[in-house]
Amino acid sequence: MSDAQRDALPLPDYDHHTTGSLQAHVQGLELTELEALVAYEREHGARVPMLTILERRMDALRHGEEPTTNTQPPAPGPETAEGAGRGSRVDPATSGPPINPPSHGVPTNPAQPRT
């Protein structure tokens, strides 16, 4: 599947969803959208937990359940830690002390022969 086809999946960044986030995000999908995800999953990862979630939701829709509508829109992708991707705050002023060599000596230092 090309990048364009992967981007056309009903869930953004589908490959990076966990079972917990997938469970929450599939509640609002239609049957045809779930079928597209099942086909993609079978062709690529074939992850049993993901297929189980998708197939159970498809069965529920076939037996009369309706897609739910959240009052809050779902997050655009899988959960990430806050502050991720903002770079490191470490600089020379906040870094720790230099690491001392082990007490048994360093083999490359003749002043500290290794015994």
PDB file of N, CA and C in Angstrom:
ATOM      1  N   MET A   1       0.855  -1.168   0.000  1.00  0.00           N
ATOM      2  CA  MET A   1       0.000   0.000   0.000  1.00  0.00           C
ATOM      3  C   MET A   1       0.899   1.229   0.000  1.00  0.00           C
ATOM      4  N   SER A   2       0.578   2.169  -0.842  1.00  0.00           N
ATOM      5  CA  SER A   2       1.383   3.378  -0.939  1.00  0.00           C
ATOM      6  C   SER A   2       1.074   4.318   0.227  1.00  0.00           C
ATOM      7  N   ASP A   3       1.892   5.357   0.332  1.00  0.00           N
ATOM      8  CA  ASP A   3       1.668   6.346   1.393  1.00  0.00           C
ATOM      9  C   ASP A   3       0.311   7.020   1.227  1.00  0.00           C
ATOM     10  N   ALA A   4      -0.093   7.278  -0.011  1.00  0.00           N
ATOM     11  CA  ALA A   4      -1.384   7.923  -0.260  1.00  0.00           C
ATOM     12  C   ALA A   4      -2.531   7.025   0.202  1.00  0.00           C
ATOM     13  N   GLN A   5      -2.410   5.724  -0.052  1.00  0.00           N
ATOM     14  CA  GLN A   5      -3.455   4.799   0.396  1.00  0.00           C
ATOM     15  C   GLN A   5      -3.475   4.702   1.917  1.00  0.00           C
ATOM     16  N   ARG A   6      -2.313   4.671   2.536  1.00  0.00           N
ATOM     17  CA  ARG A   6      -2.230   4.611   3.999  1.00  0.00           C
ATOM     18  C   ARG A   6      -2.824   5.884   4.603  1.00  0.00           C
ATOM     19  N   ASP A   7      -2.564   7.022   3.971  1.00  0.00           N
ATOM     20  CA  ASP A   7      -3.116   8.286   4.460  1.00  0.00           C
ATOM     21  C   ASP A   7      -4.629   8.356   4.286  1.00  0.00           C
ATOM     22  N   ALA A   8      -5.177   7.544   3.372  1.00  0.00           N
ATOM     23  CA  ALA A   8      -6.624   7.543   3.127  1.00  0.00           C
ATOM     24  C   ALA A   8      -7.376   6.655   4.121  1.00  0.00           C
ATOM     25  N   LEU A   9      -6.657   5.950   4.993  1.00  0.00           N
ATOM     26  CA  LEU A   9      -7.332   5.126   5.993  1.00  0.00           C
ATOM     27  C   LEU A   9      -8.170   6.008   6.909  1.00  0.00           C
ATOM     28  N   PRO A  10      -9.271   5.467   7.453  1.00  0.00           N
ATOM     29  CA  PRO A  10     -10.154   6.283   8.288  1.00  0.00           C
ATOM     30  C   PRO A  10      -9.540   6.773   9.599  1.00  0.00           C
ATOM     31  N   LEU A  11      -8.479   6.153  10.058  1.00  0.00           N
ATOM     32  CA  LEU A  11      -7.803   6.606  11.276  1.00  0.00           C
ATOM     33  C   LEU A  11      -6.413   7.106  10.908  1.00  0.00           C
ATOM     34  N   PRO A  12      -6.122   8.366  11.201  1.00  0.00           N
ATOM     35  CA  PRO A  12      -4.780   8.881  10.912  1.00  0.00           C
ATOM     36  C   PRO A  12      -3.723   8.103  11.680  1.00  0.00           C
ATOM     37  N   ASP A  13      -2.626   7.829  11.020  1.00  0.00           N
ATOM     38  CA  ASP A  13      -1.475   7.169  11.649  1.00  0.00           C
ATOM     39  C   ASP A  13      -1.885   5.839  12.290  1.00  0.00           C
ATOM     40  N   TYR A  14      -2.708   5.080  11.587  1.00  0.00           N
ATOM     41  CA  TYR A  14      -3.279   3.833  12.104  1.00  0.00           C
ATOM     42  C   TYR A  14      -2.207   2.876  12.637  1.00  0.00           C
ATOM     43  N   ASP A  15      -1.104   2.758  11.939  1.00  0.00           N
ATOM     44  CA  ASP A  15      -0.066   1.787  12.321  1.00  0.00           C
ATOM     45  C   ASP A  15       0.500   2.020  13.719  1.00  0.00           C
ATOM     46  N   HIS A  16       0.352   3.217  14.242  1.00  0.00           N
ATOM     47  CA  HIS A  16       0.944   3.540  15.535  1.00  0.00           C
ATOM     48  C   HIS A  16      -0.056   3.542  16.681  1.00  0.00           C
ATOM     49  N   HIS A  17      -1.285   3.147  16.415  1.00  0.00           N
ATOM     50  CA  HIS A  17      -2.274   3.074  17.485  1.00  0.00           C
ATOM     51  C   HIS A  17      -2.012   1.850  18.360  1.00  0.00           C
ATOM     52  N   THR A  18      -2.268   2.013  19.651  1.00  0.00           N
ATOM     53  CA  THR A  18      -2.217   0.887  20.571  1.00  0.00           C
ATOM     54  C   THR A  18      -3.606   0.263  20.626  1.00  0.00           C
ATOM     55  N   THR A  19      -3.730  -0.887  21.268  1.00  0.00           N
ATOM     56  CA  THR A  19      -5.056  -1.497  21.373  1.00  0.00           C
ATOM     57  C   THR A  19      -6.000  -0.592  22.147  1.00  0.00           C
ATOM     58  N   GLY A  20      -5.497   0.078  23.162  1.00  0.00           N
ATOM     59  CA  GLY A  20      -6.345   0.977  23.950  1.00  0.00           C
ATOM     60  C   GLY A  20      -6.837   2.170  23.148  1.00  0.00           C
ATOM     61  N   SER A  21      -5.956   2.787  22.386  1.00  0.00           N
ATOM     62  CA  SER A  21      -6.389   3.940  21.601  1.00  0.00           C
ATOM     63  C   SER A  21      -7.264   3.506  20.435  1.00  0.00           C
ATOM     64  N   LEU A  22      -6.997   2.335  19.876  1.00  0.00           N
ATOM     65  CA  LEU A  22      -7.828   1.841  18.774  1.00  0.00           C
ATOM     66  C   LEU A  22      -9.247   1.584  19.257  1.00  0.00           C
ATOM     67  N   GLN A  23      -9.374   0.969  20.427  1.00  0.00           N
ATOM     68  CA  GLN A  23     -10.690   0.667  21.002  1.00  0.00           C
ATOM     69  C   GLN A  23     -11.526   1.941  21.089  1.00  0.00           C
ATOM     70  N   ALA A  24     -10.924   3.019  21.511  1.00  0.00           N
ATOM     71  CA  ALA A  24     -11.655   4.277  21.653  1.00  0.00           C
ATOM     72  C   ALA A  24     -11.960   4.924  20.305  1.00  0.00           C
ATOM     73  N   HIS A  25     -11.037   4.828  19.365  1.00  0.00           N
ATOM     74  CA  HIS A  25     -11.201   5.524  18.090  1.00  0.00           C
ATOM     75  C   HIS A  25     -12.152   4.827  17.119  1.00  0.00           C
ATOM     76  N   VAL A  26     -12.350   3.523  17.237  1.00  0.00           N
ATOM     77  CA  VAL A  26     -13.215   2.832  16.272  1.00  0.00           C
ATOM     78  C   VAL A  26     -14.694   3.003  16.575  1.00  0.00           C
ATOM     79  N   GLN A  27     -15.044   3.526  17.741  1.00  0.00           N
ATOM     80  CA  GLN A  27     -16.449   3.640  18.122  1.00  0.00           C
ATOM     81  C   GLN A  27     -17.242   4.534  17.171  1.00  0.00           C
ATOM     82  N   GLY A  28     -16.615   5.501  16.570  1.00  0.00           N
ATOM     83  CA  GLY A  28     -17.314   6.415  15.678  1.00  0.00           C
ATOM     84  C   GLY A  28     -17.234   6.053  14.206  1.00  0.00           C
ATOM     85  N   LEU A  29     -16.603   4.934  13.873  1.00  0.00           N
ATOM     86  CA  LEU A  29     -16.426   4.569  12.470  1.00  0.00           C
ATOM     87  C   LEU A  29     -17.622   3.788  11.929  1.00  0.00           C
ATOM     88  N   GLU A  30     -17.858   3.939  10.652  1.00  0.00           N
ATOM     89  CA  GLU A  30     -18.897   3.194   9.937  1.00  0.00           C
ATOM     90  C   GLU A  30     -18.349   1.815   9.566  1.00  0.00           C
ATOM     91  N   LEU A  31     -19.256   0.927   9.180  1.00  0.00           N
ATOM     92  CA  LEU A  31     -18.886  -0.444   8.819  1.00  0.00           C
ATOM     93  C   LEU A  31     -17.882  -0.467   7.669  1.00  0.00           C
ATOM     94  N   THR A  32     -18.090   0.344   6.641  1.00  0.00           N
ATOM     95  CA  THR A  32     -17.167   0.351   5.494  1.00  0.00           C
ATOM     96  C   THR A  32     -15.774   0.819   5.896  1.00  0.00           C
ATOM     97  N   GLU A  33     -15.701   1.755   6.846  1.00  0.00           N
ATOM     98  CA  GLU A  33     -14.403   2.223   7.316  1.00  0.00           C
ATOM     99  C   GLU A  33     -13.687   1.125   8.089  1.00  0.00           C
ATOM    100  N   LEU A  34     -14.434   0.381   8.897  1.00  0.00           N
ATOM    101  CA  LEU A  34     -13.844  -0.730   9.645  1.00  0.00           C
ATOM    102  C   LEU A  34     -13.362  -1.821   8.697  1.00  0.00           C
ATOM    103  N   GLU A  35     -14.133  -2.087   7.647  1.00  0.00           N
ATOM    104  CA  GLU A  35     -13.723  -3.097   6.658  1.00  0.00           C
ATOM    105  C   GLU A  35     -12.408  -2.700   5.991  1.00  0.00           C
ATOM    106  N   ALA A  36     -12.230  -1.409   5.711  1.00  0.00           N
ATOM    107  CA  ALA A  36     -10.977  -0.933   5.116  1.00  0.00           C
ATOM    108  C   ALA A  36      -9.808  -1.152   6.077  1.00  0.00           C
ATOM    109  N   LEU A  37     -10.032  -0.899   7.365  1.00  0.00           N
ATOM    110  CA  LEU A  37      -8.969  -1.118   8.357  1.00  0.00           C
ATOM    111  C   LEU A  37      -8.638  -2.601   8.504  1.00  0.00           C
ATOM    112  N   VAL A  38      -9.664  -3.466   8.494  1.00  0.00           N
ATOM    113  CA  VAL A  38      -9.420  -4.914   8.597  1.00  0.00           C
ATOM    114  C   VAL A  38      -8.614  -5.390   7.396  1.00  0.00           C
ATOM    115  N   ALA A  39      -8.976  -4.946   6.203  1.00  0.00           N
ATOM    116  CA  ALA A  39      -8.234  -5.350   4.995  1.00  0.00           C
ATOM    117  C   ALA A  39      -6.785  -4.886   5.081  1.00  0.00           C
ATOM    118  N   TYR A  40      -6.574  -3.657   5.533  1.00  0.00           N
ATOM    119  CA  TYR A  40      -5.216  -3.134   5.669  1.00  0.00           C
ATOM    120  C   TYR A  40      -4.435  -3.942   6.702  1.00  0.00           C
ATOM    121  N   GLU A  41      -5.064  -4.206   7.838  1.00  0.00           N
ATOM    122  CA  GLU A  41      -4.378  -4.947   8.911  1.00  0.00           C
ATOM    123  C   GLU A  41      -4.012  -6.351   8.452  1.00  0.00           C
ATOM    124  N   ARG A  42      -4.902  -7.019   7.756  1.00  0.00           N
ATOM    125  CA  ARG A  42      -4.611  -8.386   7.277  1.00  0.00           C
ATOM    126  C   ARG A  42      -3.469  -8.396   6.276  1.00  0.00           C
ATOM    127  N   GLU A  43      -3.362  -7.363   5.461  1.00  0.00           N
ATOM    128  CA  GLU A  43      -2.307  -7.299   4.446  1.00  0.00           C
ATOM    129  C   GLU A  43      -0.956  -6.905   5.033  1.00  0.00           C
ATOM    130  N   HIS A  44      -0.959  -6.215   6.155  1.00  0.00           N
ATOM    131  CA  HIS A  44       0.303  -5.668   6.651  1.00  0.00           C
ATOM    132  C   HIS A  44       0.775  -6.280   7.958  1.00  0.00           C
ATOM    133  N   GLY A  45       0.093  -6.037   9.034  1.00  0.00           N
ATOM    134  CA  GLY A  45       0.586  -6.507  10.325  1.00  0.00           C
ATOM    135  C   GLY A  45      -0.041  -7.809  10.773  1.00  0.00           C
ATOM    136  N   ALA A  46      -1.307  -7.998  10.447  1.00  0.00           N
ATOM    137  CA  ALA A  46      -2.077  -9.166  10.891  1.00  0.00           C
ATOM    138  C   ALA A  46      -1.957  -9.346  12.405  1.00  0.00           C
ATOM    139  N   ARG A  47      -2.022  -8.227  13.134  1.00  0.00           N
ATOM    140  CA  ARG A  47      -1.924  -8.267  14.594  1.00  0.00           C
ATOM    141  C   ARG A  47      -3.266  -8.737  15.148  1.00  0.00           C
ATOM    142  N   VAL A  48      -3.254  -9.856  15.810  1.00  0.00           N
ATOM    143  CA  VAL A  48      -4.485 -10.481  16.305  1.00  0.00           C
ATOM    144  C   VAL A  48      -5.270  -9.556  17.238  1.00  0.00           C
ATOM    145  N   PRO A  49      -4.647  -8.880  18.210  1.00  0.00           N
ATOM    146  CA  PRO A  49      -5.439  -8.008  19.080  1.00  0.00           C
ATOM    147  C   PRO A  49      -6.151  -6.891  18.311  1.00  0.00           C
ATOM    148  N   MET A  50      -5.481  -6.328  17.312  1.00  0.00           N
ATOM    149  CA  MET A  50      -6.087  -5.256  16.523  1.00  0.00           C
ATOM    150  C   MET A  50      -7.245  -5.801  15.684  1.00  0.00           C
ATOM    151  N   LEU A  51      -7.028  -6.953  15.058  1.00  0.00           N
ATOM    152  CA  LEU A  51      -8.100  -7.562  14.261  1.00  0.00           C
ATOM    153  C   LEU A  51      -9.299  -7.909  15.138  1.00  0.00           C
ATOM    154  N   THR A  52      -9.044  -8.376  16.339  1.00  0.00           N
ATOM    155  CA  THR A  52     -10.132  -8.718  17.260  1.00  0.00           C
ATOM    156  C   THR A  52     -10.971  -7.487  17.588  1.00  0.00           C
ATOM    157  N   ILE A  53     -10.331  -6.385  17.887  1.00  0.00           N
ATOM    158  CA  ILE A  53     -11.050  -5.145  18.191  1.00  0.00           C
ATOM    159  C   ILE A  53     -11.885  -4.708  17.002  1.00  0.00           C
ATOM    160  N   LEU A  54     -11.278  -4.715  15.823  1.00  0.00           N
ATOM    161  CA  LEU A  54     -11.989  -4.272  14.621  1.00  0.00           C
ATOM    162  C   LEU A  54     -13.163  -5.191  14.291  1.00  0.00           C
ATOM    163  N   GLU A  55     -12.935  -6.500  14.374  1.00  0.00           N
ATOM    164  CA  GLU A  55     -14.001  -7.448  14.025  1.00  0.00           C
ATOM    165  C   GLU A  55     -15.145  -7.421  15.041  1.00  0.00           C
ATOM    166  N   ARG A  56     -14.827  -7.238  16.317  1.00  0.00           N
ATOM    167  CA  ARG A  56     -15.895  -7.129  17.322  1.00  0.00           C
ATOM    168  C   ARG A  56     -16.742  -5.885  17.088  1.00  0.00           C
ATOM    169  N   ARG A  57     -16.097  -4.799  16.729  1.00  0.00           N
ATOM    170  CA  ARG A  57     -16.852  -3.580  16.457  1.00  0.00           C
ATOM    171  C   ARG A  57     -17.719  -3.751  15.203  1.00  0.00           C
ATOM    172  N   MET A  58     -17.199  -4.438  14.189  1.00  0.00           N
ATOM    173  CA  MET A  58     -17.984  -4.707  12.983  1.00  0.00           C
ATOM    174  C   MET A  58     -19.208  -5.557  13.325  1.00  0.00           C
ATOM    175  N   ASP A  59     -19.024  -6.581  14.160  1.00  0.00           N
ATOM    176  CA  ASP A  59     -20.149  -7.419  14.572  1.00  0.00           C
ATOM    177  C   ASP A  59     -21.201  -6.600  15.315  1.00  0.00           C
ATOM    178  N   ALA A  60     -20.747  -5.705  16.181  1.00  0.00           N
ATOM    179  CA  ALA A  60     -21.688  -4.873  16.931  1.00  0.00           C
ATOM    180  C   ALA A  60     -22.506  -3.993  15.984  1.00  0.00           C
ATOM    181  N   LEU A  61     -21.863  -3.435  14.969  1.00  0.00           N
ATOM    182  CA  LEU A  61     -22.584  -2.600  14.016  1.00  0.00           C
ATOM    183  C   LEU A  61     -23.567  -3.437  13.191  1.00  0.00           C
ATOM    184  N   ARG A  62     -23.166  -4.643  12.842  1.00  0.00           N
ATOM    185  CA  ARG A  62     -24.058  -5.527  12.075  1.00  0.00           C
ATOM    186  C   ARG A  62     -25.273  -5.953  12.895  1.00  0.00           C
ATOM    187  N   HIS A  63     -25.142  -5.944  14.215  1.00  0.00           N
ATOM    188  CA  HIS A  63     -26.243  -6.347  15.086  1.00  0.00           C
ATOM    189  C   HIS A  63     -27.030  -5.149  15.622  1.00  0.00           C
ATOM    190  N   GLY A  64     -26.908  -4.016  14.966  1.00  0.00           N
ATOM    191  CA  GLY A  64     -27.780  -2.901  15.292  1.00  0.00           C
ATOM    192  C   GLY A  64     -27.176  -1.728  16.026  1.00  0.00           C
ATOM    193  N   GLU A  65     -25.977  -1.858  16.528  1.00  0.00           N
ATOM    194  CA  GLU A  65     -25.371  -0.696  17.191  1.00  0.00           C
ATOM    195  C   GLU A  65     -25.082   0.376  16.152  1.00  0.00           C
ATOM    196  N   GLU A  66     -25.082   1.592  16.602  1.00  0.00           N
ATOM    197  CA  GLU A  66     -24.786   2.732  15.738  1.00  0.00           C
ATOM    198  C   GLU A  66     -23.413   3.286  16.103  1.00  0.00           C
ATOM    199  N   PRO A  67     -22.725   3.868  15.127  1.00  0.00           N
ATOM    200  CA  PRO A  67     -21.477   4.554  15.478  1.00  0.00           C
ATOM    201  C   PRO A  67     -21.770   5.663  16.471  1.00  0.00           C
ATOM    202  N   THR A  68     -20.932   5.774  17.467  1.00  0.00           N
ATOM    203  CA  THR A  68     -21.145   6.798  18.491  1.00  0.00           C
ATOM    204  C   THR A  68     -20.527   8.106  18.042  1.00  0.00           C
ATOM    205  N   THR A  69     -21.118   9.157  18.518  1.00  0.00           N
ATOM    206  CA  THR A  69     -20.550  10.476  18.239  1.00  0.00           C
ATOM    207  C   THR A  69     -20.093  11.053  19.559  1.00  0.00           C
ATOM    208  N   ASN A  70     -18.846  11.390  19.625  1.00  0.00           N
ATOM    209  CA  ASN A  70     -18.264  11.985  20.822  1.00  0.00           C
ATOM    210  C   ASN A  70     -18.590  13.462  20.854  1.00  0.00           C
ATOM    211  N   THR A  71     -18.733  14.003  22.034  1.00  0.00           N
ATOM    212  CA  THR A  71     -18.876  15.452  22.145  1.00  0.00           C
ATOM    213  C   THR A  71     -17.529  16.117  21.910  1.00  0.00           C
ATOM    214  N   GLN A  72     -16.459  15.362  22.138  1.00  0.00           N
ATOM    215  CA  GLN A  72     -15.119  15.864  21.861  1.00  0.00           C
ATOM    216  C   GLN A  72     -14.565  15.110  20.669  1.00  0.00           C
ATOM    217  N   PRO A  73     -13.933  15.793  19.727  1.00  0.00           N
ATOM    218  CA  PRO A  73     -13.349  15.080  18.596  1.00  0.00           C
ATOM    219  C   PRO A  73     -12.183  14.211  19.066  1.00  0.00           C
ATOM    220  N   PRO A  74     -11.988  13.050  18.434  1.00  0.00           N
ATOM    221  CA  PRO A  74     -10.861  12.207  18.833  1.00  0.00           C
ATOM    222  C   PRO A  74      -9.541  12.894  18.507  1.00  0.00           C
ATOM    223  N   ALA A  75      -8.546  12.502  19.237  1.00  0.00           N
ATOM    224  CA  ALA A  75      -7.210  13.027  18.976  1.00  0.00           C
ATOM    225  C   ALA A  75      -6.813  12.666  17.556  1.00  0.00           C
ATOM    226  N   PRO A  76      -5.991  13.465  16.902  1.00  0.00           N
ATOM    227  CA  PRO A  76      -5.659  13.210  15.511  1.00  0.00           C
ATOM    228  C   PRO A  76      -4.838  11.946  15.281  1.00  0.00           C
ATOM    229  N   GLY A  77      -4.270  11.376  16.290  1.00  0.00           N
ATOM    230  CA  GLY A  77      -3.453  10.189  16.111  1.00  0.00           C
ATOM    231  C   GLY A  77      -3.279   9.476  17.424  1.00  0.00           C
ATOM    232  N   PRO A  78      -2.325   8.582  17.490  1.00  0.00           N
ATOM    233  CA  PRO A  78      -2.103   7.858  18.740  1.00  0.00           C
ATOM    234  C   PRO A  78      -1.623   8.787  19.839  1.00  0.00           C
ATOM    235  N   GLU A  79      -1.776   8.314  21.057  1.00  0.00           N
ATOM    236  CA  GLU A  79      -1.369   9.121  22.196  1.00  0.00           C
ATOM    237  C   GLU A  79       0.136   9.275  22.234  1.00  0.00           C
ATOM    238  N   THR A  80       0.565  10.457  22.631  1.00  0.00           N
ATOM    239  CA  THR A  80       1.991  10.707  22.793  1.00  0.00           C
ATOM    240  C   THR A  80       2.191  11.427  24.113  1.00  0.00           C
ATOM    241  N   ALA A  81       3.368  11.347  24.626  1.00  0.00           N
ATOM    242  CA  ALA A  81       3.679  12.030  25.882  1.00  0.00           C
ATOM    243  C   ALA A  81       3.716  13.526  25.643  1.00  0.00           C
ATOM    244  N   GLU A  82       3.262  14.273  26.641  1.00  0.00           N
ATOM    245  CA  GLU A  82       3.312  15.731  26.508  1.00  0.00           C
ATOM    246  C   GLU A  82       4.752  16.177  26.424  1.00  0.00           C
ATOM    247  N   GLY A  83       4.989  17.133  25.581  1.00  0.00           N
ATOM    248  CA  GLY A  83       6.339  17.663  25.416  1.00  0.00           C
ATOM    249  C   GLY A  83       7.188  16.862  24.450  1.00  0.00           C
ATOM    250  N   ALA A  84       6.663  15.773  23.912  1.00  0.00           N
ATOM    251  CA  ALA A  84       7.450  14.961  22.985  1.00  0.00           C
ATOM    252  C   ALA A  84       7.728  15.765  21.725  1.00  0.00           C
ATOM    253  N   GLY A  85       8.911  15.649  21.218  1.00  0.00           N
ATOM    254  CA  GLY A  85       9.266  16.301  19.981  1.00  0.00           C
ATOM    255  C   GLY A  85       9.669  17.760  20.135  1.00  0.00           C
ATOM    256  N   ARG A  86       9.792  18.245  21.337  1.00  0.00           N
ATOM    257  CA  ARG A  86      10.157  19.647  21.532  1.00  0.00           C
ATOM    258  C   ARG A  86      11.649  19.825  21.747  1.00  0.00           C
ATOM    259  N   GLY A  87      12.395  18.785  21.700  1.00  0.00           N
ATOM    260  CA  GLY A  87      13.828  18.884  21.896  1.00  0.00           C
ATOM    261  C   GLY A  87      14.208  18.741  23.355  1.00  0.00           C
ATOM    262  N   SER A  88      15.466  18.587  23.583  1.00  0.00           N
ATOM    263  CA  SER A  88      15.971  18.382  24.927  1.00  0.00           C
ATOM    264  C   SER A  88      16.225  19.719  25.615  1.00  0.00           C
ATOM    265  N   ARG A  89      15.954  19.766  26.913  1.00  0.00           N
ATOM    266  CA  ARG A  89      16.234  20.963  27.698  1.00  0.00           C
ATOM    267  C   ARG A  89      17.626  20.896  28.327  1.00  0.00           C
ATOM    268  N   VAL A  90      18.374  19.861  28.045  1.00  0.00           N
ATOM    269  CA  VAL A  90      19.692  19.691  28.646  1.00  0.00           C
ATOM    270  C   VAL A  90      20.681  20.619  27.947  1.00  0.00           C
ATOM    271  N   ASP A  91      21.435  21.333  28.737  1.00  0.00           N
ATOM    272  CA  ASP A  91      22.528  22.154  28.230  1.00  0.00           C
ATOM    273  C   ASP A  91      23.651  22.064  29.259  1.00  0.00           C
ATOM    274  N   PRO A  92      24.804  22.622  28.984  1.00  0.00           N
ATOM    275  CA  PRO A  92      25.917  22.501  29.943  1.00  0.00           C
ATOM    276  C   PRO A  92      25.579  22.996  31.343  1.00  0.00           C
ATOM    277  N   ALA A  93      24.691  23.959  31.469  1.00  0.00           N
ATOM    278  CA  ALA A  93      24.345  24.478  32.790  1.00  0.00           C
ATOM    279  C   ALA A  93      23.490  23.497  33.584  1.00  0.00           C
ATOM    280  N   THR A  94      22.748  22.627  32.892  1.00  0.00           N
ATOM    281  CA  THR A  94      21.858  21.699  33.591  1.00  0.00           C
ATOM    282  C   THR A  94      22.323  20.250  33.522  1.00  0.00           C
ATOM    283  N   SER A  95      23.447  19.998  32.873  1.00  0.00           N
ATOM    284  CA  SER A  95      23.910  18.610  32.762  1.00  0.00           C
ATOM    285  C   SER A  95      24.551  18.157  34.075  1.00  0.00           C
ATOM    286  N   GLY A  96      24.635  16.859  34.253  1.00  0.00           N
ATOM    287  CA  GLY A  96      25.206  16.290  35.464  1.00  0.00           C
ATOM    288  C   GLY A  96      26.722  16.362  35.466  1.00  0.00           C
ATOM    289  N   PRO A  97      27.338  15.911  36.563  1.00  0.00           N
ATOM    290  CA  PRO A  97      28.797  15.943  36.651  1.00  0.00           C
ATOM    291  C   PRO A  97      29.404  14.916  35.699  1.00  0.00           C
ATOM    292  N   PRO A  98      30.681  15.109  35.355  1.00  0.00           N
ATOM    293  CA  PRO A  98      31.330  14.108  34.492  1.00  0.00           C
ATOM    294  C   PRO A  98      31.389  12.758  35.203  1.00  0.00           C
ATOM    295  N   ILE A  99      31.339  11.729  34.435  1.00  0.00           N
ATOM    296  CA  ILE A  99      31.366  10.375  34.998  1.00  0.00           C
ATOM    297  C   ILE A  99      32.809   9.975  35.262  1.00  0.00           C
ATOM    298  N   ASN A 100      33.065   9.504  36.460  1.00  0.00           N
ATOM    299  CA  ASN A 100      34.401   9.043  36.819  1.00  0.00           C
ATOM    300  C   ASN A 100      34.622   7.638  36.281  1.00  0.00           C
ATOM    301  N   PRO A 101      35.890   7.306  35.983  1.00  0.00           N
ATOM    302  CA  PRO A 101      36.165   5.947  35.520  1.00  0.00           C
ATOM    303  C   PRO A 101      35.955   4.949  36.663  1.00  0.00           C
ATOM    304  N   PRO A 102      35.751   3.714  36.325  1.00  0.00           N
ATOM    305  CA  PRO A 102      35.539   2.706  37.366  1.00  0.00           C
ATOM    306  C   PRO A 102      36.760   2.593  38.285  1.00  0.00           C
ATOM    307  N   SER A 103      36.541   2.172  39.521  1.00  0.00           N
ATOM    308  CA  SER A 103      37.612   2.116  40.519  1.00  0.00           C
ATOM    309  C   SER A 103      38.671   1.073  40.188  1.00  0.00           C
ATOM    310  N   HIS A 104      38.367   0.122  39.364  1.00  0.00           N
ATOM    311  CA  HIS A 104      39.351  -0.914  39.040  1.00  0.00           C
ATOM    312  C   HIS A 104      40.297  -0.490  37.925  1.00  0.00           C
ATOM    313  N   GLY A 105      40.220   0.739  37.457  1.00  0.00           N
ATOM    314  CA  GLY A 105      41.161   1.241  36.471  1.00  0.00           C
ATOM    315  C   GLY A 105      40.609   1.208  35.061  1.00  0.00           C
ATOM    316  N   VAL A 106      41.284   1.929  34.206  1.00  0.00           N
ATOM    317  CA  VAL A 106      40.902   2.011  32.800  1.00  0.00           C
ATOM    318  C   VAL A 106      42.035   1.397  31.991  1.00  0.00           C
ATOM    319  N   PRO A 107      41.764   0.415  31.155  1.00  0.00           N
ATOM    320  CA  PRO A 107      42.851  -0.264  30.444  1.00  0.00           C
ATOM    321  C   PRO A 107      43.642   0.646  29.510  1.00  0.00           C
ATOM    322  N   THR A 108      43.061   1.740  29.061  1.00  0.00           N
ATOM    323  CA  THR A 108      43.794   2.631  28.143  1.00  0.00           C
ATOM    324  C   THR A 108      44.582   3.720  28.876  1.00  0.00           C
ATOM    325  N   ASN A 109      44.502   3.774  30.207  1.00  0.00           N
ATOM    326  CA  ASN A 109      45.216   4.785  30.987  1.00  0.00           C
ATOM    327  C   ASN A 109      46.374   4.121  31.722  1.00  0.00           C
ATOM    328  N   PRO A 110      47.628   4.411  31.340  1.00  0.00           N
ATOM    329  CA  PRO A 110      48.767   3.756  32.004  1.00  0.00           C
ATOM    330  C   PRO A 110      48.919   4.156  33.458  1.00  0.00           C
ATOM    331  N   ALA A 111      48.352   5.307  33.865  1.00  0.00           N
ATOM    332  CA  ALA A 111      48.450   5.734  35.258  1.00  0.00           C
ATOM    333  C   ALA A 111      47.527   4.903  36.149  1.00  0.00           C
ATOM    334  N   GLN A 112      46.548   4.261  35.565  1.00  0.00           N
ATOM    335  CA  GLN A 112      45.641   3.394  36.314  1.00  0.00           C
ATOM    336  C   GLN A 112      45.664   1.998  35.705  1.00  0.00           C
ATOM    337  N   PRO A 113      46.686   1.226  36.011  1.00  0.00           N
ATOM    338  CA  PRO A 113      46.753  -0.095  35.403  1.00  0.00           C
ATOM    339  C   PRO A 113      45.587  -0.974  35.864  1.00  0.00           C
ATOM    340  N   ARG A 114      45.147  -1.775  34.980  1.00  0.00           N
ATOM    341  CA  ARG A 114      44.047  -2.698  35.271  1.00  0.00           C
ATOM    342  C   ARG A 114      44.649  -3.948  35.896  1.00  0.00           C
ATOM    343  N   THR A 115      44.101  -4.354  37.003  1.00  0.00           N
ATOM    344  CA  THR A 115      44.651  -5.527  37.686  1.00  0.00           C
ATOM    345  C   THR A 115      43.719  -6.707  37.576  1.00  0.00           C
TER     346      THR A 115
END
